[in-house]
C-alpha atoms as a PDB file:
ATOM      1  CA  MET A   1     121.004 148.820 117.171  1.00  0.00           C
ATOM      2  CA  LYS A   2     118.105 147.546 119.503  1.00  0.00           C
ATOM      3  CA  LYS A   3     116.671 146.116 116.383  1.00  0.00           C
ATOM      4  CA  LEU A   4     119.490 144.331 115.372  1.00  0.00           C
ATOM      5  CA  PHE A   5     119.382 143.166 118.786  1.00  0.00           C
ATOM      6  CA  ILE A   6     116.325 141.941 118.586  1.00  0.00           C
ATOM      7  CA  ILE A   7     116.887 140.774 115.206  1.00  0.00           C
ATOM      8  CA  THR A   8     119.238 138.959 116.671  1.00  0.00           C
ATOM      9  CA  LEU A   9     117.537 137.193 119.455  1.00  0.00           C
ATOM     10  CA  MET A  10     114.791 136.072 117.320  1.00  0.00           C
ATOM     11  CA  VAL A  11     117.371 134.389 114.973  1.00  0.00           C
ATOM     12  CA  ILE A  12     119.002 132.536 118.268  1.00  0.00           C
ATOM     13  CA  PHE A  13     115.357 131.956 120.209  1.00  0.00           C
ATOM     14  CA  GLY A  14     114.229 130.337 116.546  1.00  0.00           C
ATOM     15  CA  ALA A  15     117.360 128.270 115.863  1.00  0.00           C
ATOM     16  CA  THR A  16     117.385 126.564 119.255  1.00  0.00           C
ATOM     17  CA  ALA A  17     113.462 126.093 119.025  1.00  0.00           C
ATOM     18  CA  PHE A  18     114.165 124.304 115.871  1.00  0.00           C
ATOM     19  CA  MET A  19     117.032 122.491 116.735  1.00  0.00           C
ATOM     20  CA  SER A  20     115.505 120.914 120.345  1.00  0.00           C
ATOM     21  CA  CYS A  21     112.354 120.092 117.810  1.00  0.00           C
ATOM     22  CA  ASP A  22     114.475 118.394 115.488  1.00  0.00           C
ATOM     23  CA  LYS A  23     116.460 116.613 118.203  1.00  0.00           C
ATOM     24  CA  THR A  24     113.435 115.624 119.840  1.00  0.00           C
ATOM     25  CA  GLN A  25     112.055 114.148 116.628  1.00  0.00           C
ATOM     26  CA  GLU A  26     115.291 112.726 116.321  1.00  0.00           C
ATOM     27  CA  THR A  27     115.682 110.932 119.578  1.00  0.00           C
ATOM     28  CA  LEU A  28     111.711 109.374 118.742  1.00  0.00           C
ATOM     29  CA  ASN A  29     113.256 108.188 115.173  1.00  0.00           C
ATOM     30  CA  GLU A  30     116.191 106.262 117.089  1.00  0.00           C
ATOM     31  CA  SER A  31     114.564 104.940 119.872  1.00  0.00           C
ATOM     32  CA  GLY A  32     114.788 101.295 120.756  1.00  0.00           C
ATOM     33  CA  PHE A  33     112.449  98.352 121.195  1.00  0.00           C
ATOM     34  CA  ARG A  34     111.118  97.137 124.956  1.00  0.00           C
ATOM     35  CA  ASP A  35     110.721  93.121 125.040  1.00  0.00           C
ATOM     36  CA  VAL A  36     107.291  92.114 125.790  1.00  0.00           C
ATOM     37  CA  ARG A  37     106.746  89.441 128.236  1.00  0.00           C
ATOM     38  CA  ILE A  38     105.018  86.442 126.454  1.00  0.00           C
ATOM     39  CA  PRO A  39     102.438  84.393 128.787  1.00  0.00           C
ATOM     40  CA  GLU A  40     103.243  80.692 128.280  1.00  0.00           C
ATOM     41  CA  ASN A  41     100.662  79.633 126.046  1.00  0.00           C
ATOM     42  CA  PHE A  42     100.578  82.552 124.229  1.00  0.00           C
ATOM     43  CA  GLY A  43     101.755  82.769 120.705  1.00  0.00           C
ATOM     44  CA  ILE A  44     101.855  78.922 120.480  1.00  0.00           C
ATOM     45  CA  THR A  45      99.851  77.801 117.547  1.00  0.00           C
ATOM     46  CA  ASP A  46      97.514  74.836 118.724  1.00  0.00           C
ATOM     47  CA  PHE A  47      97.335  72.768 115.370  1.00  0.00           C
ATOM     48  CA  GLN A  48      95.637  69.788 116.883  1.00  0.00           C
ATOM     49  CA  LYS A  49      92.297  72.158 117.598  1.00  0.00           C
ATOM     50  CA  SER A  50      92.715  74.059 114.223  1.00  0.00           C
ATOM     51  CA  ASN A  51      93.430  71.018 112.408  1.00  0.00           C
ATOM     52  CA  ASN A  52      96.226  72.737 111.177  1.00  0.00           C
ATOM     53  CA  ALA A  53      98.770  71.101 108.327  1.00  0.00           C
ATOM     54  CA  ILE A  54     102.541  72.517 109.766  1.00  0.00           C
ATOM     55  CA  VAL A  55     103.868  74.413 107.048  1.00  0.00           C
ATOM     56  CA  ILE A  56     108.113  75.305 107.656  1.00  0.00           C
ATOM     57  CA  ILE A  57     108.504  78.888 107.990  1.00  0.00           C
ATOM     58  CA  PRO A  58     111.675  79.662 106.095  1.00  0.00           C
ATOM     59  CA  GLU A  59     114.821  81.036 108.152  1.00  0.00           C
ATOM     60  CA  GLU A  60     114.234  84.474 106.539  1.00  0.00           C
ATOM     61  CA  GLU A  61     110.482  84.657 107.543  1.00  0.00           C
ATOM     62  CA  ARG A  62     110.999  84.375 111.324  1.00  0.00           C
ATOM     63  CA  ILE A  63     112.088  87.631 112.237  1.00  0.00           C
ATOM     64  CA  VAL A  64     109.077  90.386 110.921  1.00  0.00           C
ATOM     65  CA  GLU A  65     109.156  93.701 111.586  1.00  0.00           C
ATOM     66  CA  LYS A  66     105.468  95.452 111.384  1.00  0.00           C
ATOM     67  CA  LYS A  67     104.597  99.292 111.293  1.00  0.00           C
ATOM     68  CA  PHE A  68     101.422  99.966 113.348  1.00  0.00           C
ATOM     69  CA  TYR A  69      98.884 102.643 114.149  1.00  0.00           C
ATOM     70  CA  LEU A  70      96.887 102.959 117.223  1.00  0.00           C
ATOM     71  CA  LYS A  71      94.167 105.190 117.523  1.00  0.00           C
ATOM     72  CA  LEU A  72      92.765 106.585 120.775  1.00  0.00           C
ATOM     73  CA  PRO A  73      90.497 108.179 122.253  1.00  0.00           C
ATOM     74  CA  ASP A  74      92.728 111.226 123.089  1.00  0.00           C
ATOM     75  CA  LYS A  75      95.636 110.631 120.589  1.00  0.00           C
ATOM     76  CA  GLU A  76      96.915 108.494 117.767  1.00  0.00           C
ATOM     77  CA  ILE A  77     100.035 106.684 118.015  1.00  0.00           C
ATOM     78  CA  PHE A  78     102.489 105.039 115.193  1.00  0.00           C
ATOM     79  CA  GLY A  79     104.776 102.358 116.375  1.00  0.00           C
ATOM     80  CA  THR A  80     106.558  99.253 115.377  1.00  0.00           C
ATOM     81  CA  GLN A  81     106.433  95.628 116.649  1.00  0.00           C
ATOM     82  CA  ILE A  82     108.901  93.002 115.954  1.00  0.00           C
ATOM     83  CA  ILE A  83     107.820  89.643 116.263  1.00  0.00           C
ATOM     84  CA  GLU A  84     110.025  86.607 116.033  1.00  0.00           C
ATOM     85  CA  LEU A  85     108.737  82.689 114.996  1.00  0.00           C
ATOM     86  CA  ASP A  86     110.090  79.659 115.424  1.00  0.00           C
ATOM     87  CA  GLU A  87     110.065  77.070 112.760  1.00  0.00           C
ATOM     88  CA  ILE A  88     106.234  76.186 113.026  1.00  0.00           C
ATOM     89  CA  GLY A  89     105.041  80.084 113.370  1.00  0.00           C
ATOM     90  CA  ASN A  90     104.989  79.877 117.391  1.00  0.00           C
ATOM     91  CA  MET A  91     105.575  83.568 118.684  1.00  0.00           C
ATOM     92  CA  ILE A  92     108.705  83.239 120.664  1.00  0.00           C
ATOM     93  CA  ASN A  93     109.883  86.826 120.747  1.00  0.00           C
ATOM     94  CA  PHE A  94     108.104  89.684 120.831  1.00  0.00           C
ATOM     95  CA  LYS A  95     109.187  93.633 120.624  1.00  0.00           C
ATOM     96  CA  ILE A  96     107.320  96.920 120.585  1.00  0.00           C
ATOM     97  CA  SER A  97     109.158 100.295 120.047  1.00  0.00           C
ATOM     98  CA  ASP A  98     109.582 102.886 123.273  1.00  0.00           C
ATOM     99  CA  ASN A  99     107.325 105.490 122.251  1.00  0.00           C
ATOM    100  CA  VAL A 100     104.436 103.346 122.441  1.00  0.00           C
ATOM    101  CA  PHE A 101     105.177 102.777 126.172  1.00  0.00           C
ATOM    102  CA  ILE A 102     105.751 106.086 126.581  1.00  0.00           C
ATOM    103  CA  GLU A 103     103.222 108.103 125.029  1.00  0.00           C
ATOM    104  CA  THR A 104     100.665 104.947 126.708  1.00  0.00           C
ATOM    105  CA  GLY A 105     101.905 103.710 129.840  1.00  0.00           C
ATOM    106  CA  LEU A 106     101.500 100.521 128.971  1.00  0.00           C
ATOM    107  CA  ASP A 107     104.057  98.443 130.544  1.00  0.00           C
ATOM    108  CA  THR A 108     106.079  95.069 129.275  1.00  0.00           C
ATOM    109  CA  ASN A 109     103.788  93.001 130.877  1.00  0.00           C
ATOM    110  CA  PHE A 110     100.707  94.437 129.362  1.00  0.00           C
ATOM    111  CA  LEU A 111      99.536  90.746 128.067  1.00  0.00           C
ATOM    112  CA  PHE A 112     100.220  89.145 131.491  1.00  0.00           C
ATOM    113  CA  ASP A 113      97.840  91.754 132.771  1.00  0.00           C
ATOM    114  CA  TYR A 114      95.296  91.141 130.431  1.00  0.00           C
ATOM    115  CA  ILE A 115      95.267  87.246 131.328  1.00  0.00           C
ATOM    116  CA  GLU A 116      94.812  88.014 134.872  1.00  0.00           C
ATOM    117  CA  LYS A 117      91.896  90.521 134.460  1.00  0.00           C
ATOM    118  CA  ASN A 118      89.873  88.590 132.232  1.00  0.00           C
ATOM    119  CA  PRO A 119      90.931  84.613 133.163  1.00  0.00           C
ATOM    120  CA  ASN A 120      88.364  83.488 131.398  1.00  0.00           C
ATOM    121  CA  SER A 121      89.290  84.404 128.132  1.00  0.00           C
ATOM    122  CA  ASP A 122      90.801  82.558 125.387  1.00  0.00           C
ATOM    123  CA  LEU A 123      93.432  84.690 123.589  1.00  0.00           C
ATOM    124  CA  THR A 124      94.144  82.663 120.624  1.00  0.00           C
ATOM    125  CA  LYS A 125      90.717  81.622 119.834  1.00  0.00           C
ATOM    126  CA  GLY A 126      90.068  84.271 117.775  1.00  0.00           C
ATOM    127  CA  ILE A 127      93.235  83.866 116.058  1.00  0.00           C
ATOM    128  CA  GLY A 128      92.545  80.232 114.539  1.00  0.00           C
ATOM    129  CA  SER A 129      91.103  81.597 111.448  1.00  0.00           C
ATOM    130  CA  CYS A 130      94.029  83.827 110.907  1.00  0.00           C
ATOM    131  CA  LEU A 131      96.770  81.003 111.462  1.00  0.00           C
ATOM    132  CA  LYS A 132      94.612  78.615 109.464  1.00  0.00           C
ATOM    133  CA  ALA A 133      94.886  80.871 106.193  1.00  0.00           C
ATOM    134  CA  CYS A 134      98.529  81.259 106.871  1.00  0.00           C
ATOM    135  CA  GLY A 135      98.712  77.592 106.039  1.00  0.00           C
ATOM    136  CA  ASP A 136      97.036  77.876 102.835  1.00  0.00           C
ATOM    137  CA  GLU A 137      99.471  76.629  99.811  1.00  0.00           C
ATOM    138  CA  SER A 138      98.747  80.133  98.190  1.00  0.00           C
ATOM    139  CA  ILE A 139      99.965  81.751 100.853  1.00  0.00           C
ATOM    140  CA  GLU A 140     103.333  83.026  99.409  1.00  0.00           C
ATOM    141  CA  HIS A 141     105.243  84.056 102.782  1.00  0.00           C
ATOM    142  CA  PRO A 142     103.418  82.035 105.396  1.00  0.00           C
ATOM    143  CA  GLY A 143     105.731  83.351 108.261  1.00  0.00           C
ATOM    144  CA  TRP A 144     105.086  87.060 107.321  1.00  0.00           C
ATOM    145  CA  CYS A 145     101.252  86.069 107.564  1.00  0.00           C
ATOM    146  CA  LYS A 146     101.562  84.438 110.730  1.00  0.00           C
ATOM    147  CA  ALA A 147     103.595  87.140 112.602  1.00  0.00           C
ATOM    148  CA  GLY A 148     100.772  89.745 110.956  1.00  0.00           C
ATOM    149  CA  CYS A 149      98.080  87.218 113.057  1.00  0.00           C
ATOM    150  CA  TRP A 150     100.173  87.909 116.145  1.00  0.00           C
ATOM    151  CA  ALA A 151     100.730  91.221 115.697  1.00  0.00           C
ATOM    152  CA  GLU A 152      97.019  92.131 115.461  1.00  0.00           C
ATOM    153  CA  LEU A 153      96.162  90.259 118.212  1.00  0.00           C
ATOM    154  CA  ALA A 154      99.040  91.730 120.834  1.00  0.00           C
ATOM    155  CA  LEU A 155      97.560  95.125 119.191  1.00  0.00           C
ATOM    156  CA  GLU A 156      93.918  94.387 120.167  1.00  0.00           C
ATOM    157  CA  VAL A 157      95.387  93.095 123.497  1.00  0.00           C
ATOM    158  CA  ALA A 158      97.226  96.461 123.862  1.00  0.00           C
ATOM    159  CA  ALA A 159      94.332  98.840 123.065  1.00  0.00           C
ATOM    160  CA  VAL A 160      92.244  96.713 125.819  1.00  0.00           C
ATOM    161  CA  VAL A 161      94.528  97.548 128.871  1.00  0.00           C
ATOM    162  CA  ILE A 162      95.195 101.010 127.752  1.00  0.00           C
ATOM    163  CA  ALA A 163      91.730 101.759 127.369  1.00  0.00           C
ATOM    164  CA  ALA A 164      90.846  99.954 130.702  1.00  0.00           C
ATOM    165  CA  ALA A 165      93.972 102.257 132.601  1.00  0.00           C
ATOM    166  CA  ALA A 166      92.161 105.296 131.433  1.00  0.00           C
ATOM    167  CA  LEU A 167      89.231 104.312 133.325  1.00  0.00           C
END
């Protein structure tokens, strides 16, 4: 009888632990997104400086969802970004999955925080060659290409802000 009671308790405990882990995973998988505030000149392509030809982005390429991986010294984070572009490839809306904010302590103002702490830094300087390459005629999906450039830049900034906050 005592053995049956112990086995029953173990089964109940095991099922509860399994269900609670399963629920946590389900919550993470179904998590939403947070809008990231975009500074005024961030996400804007300067065609005069970079000598880019204007490429009109097809409507179906203006909202791009990209998965990403962020390796930090103490953890690894998988997340998703949603980048919305206008007709010429300027980033007009930017969202990141909730789990990234929860796991890193990052907030939705991280682009502003970076600019405030690095006033002489030109965030769009490094992205010019990437955006220019997206304007090449051989690029089949210029919108997806440009969204990838903006996504990479935002991740680089996020990594710097997270590292600085950890100091």
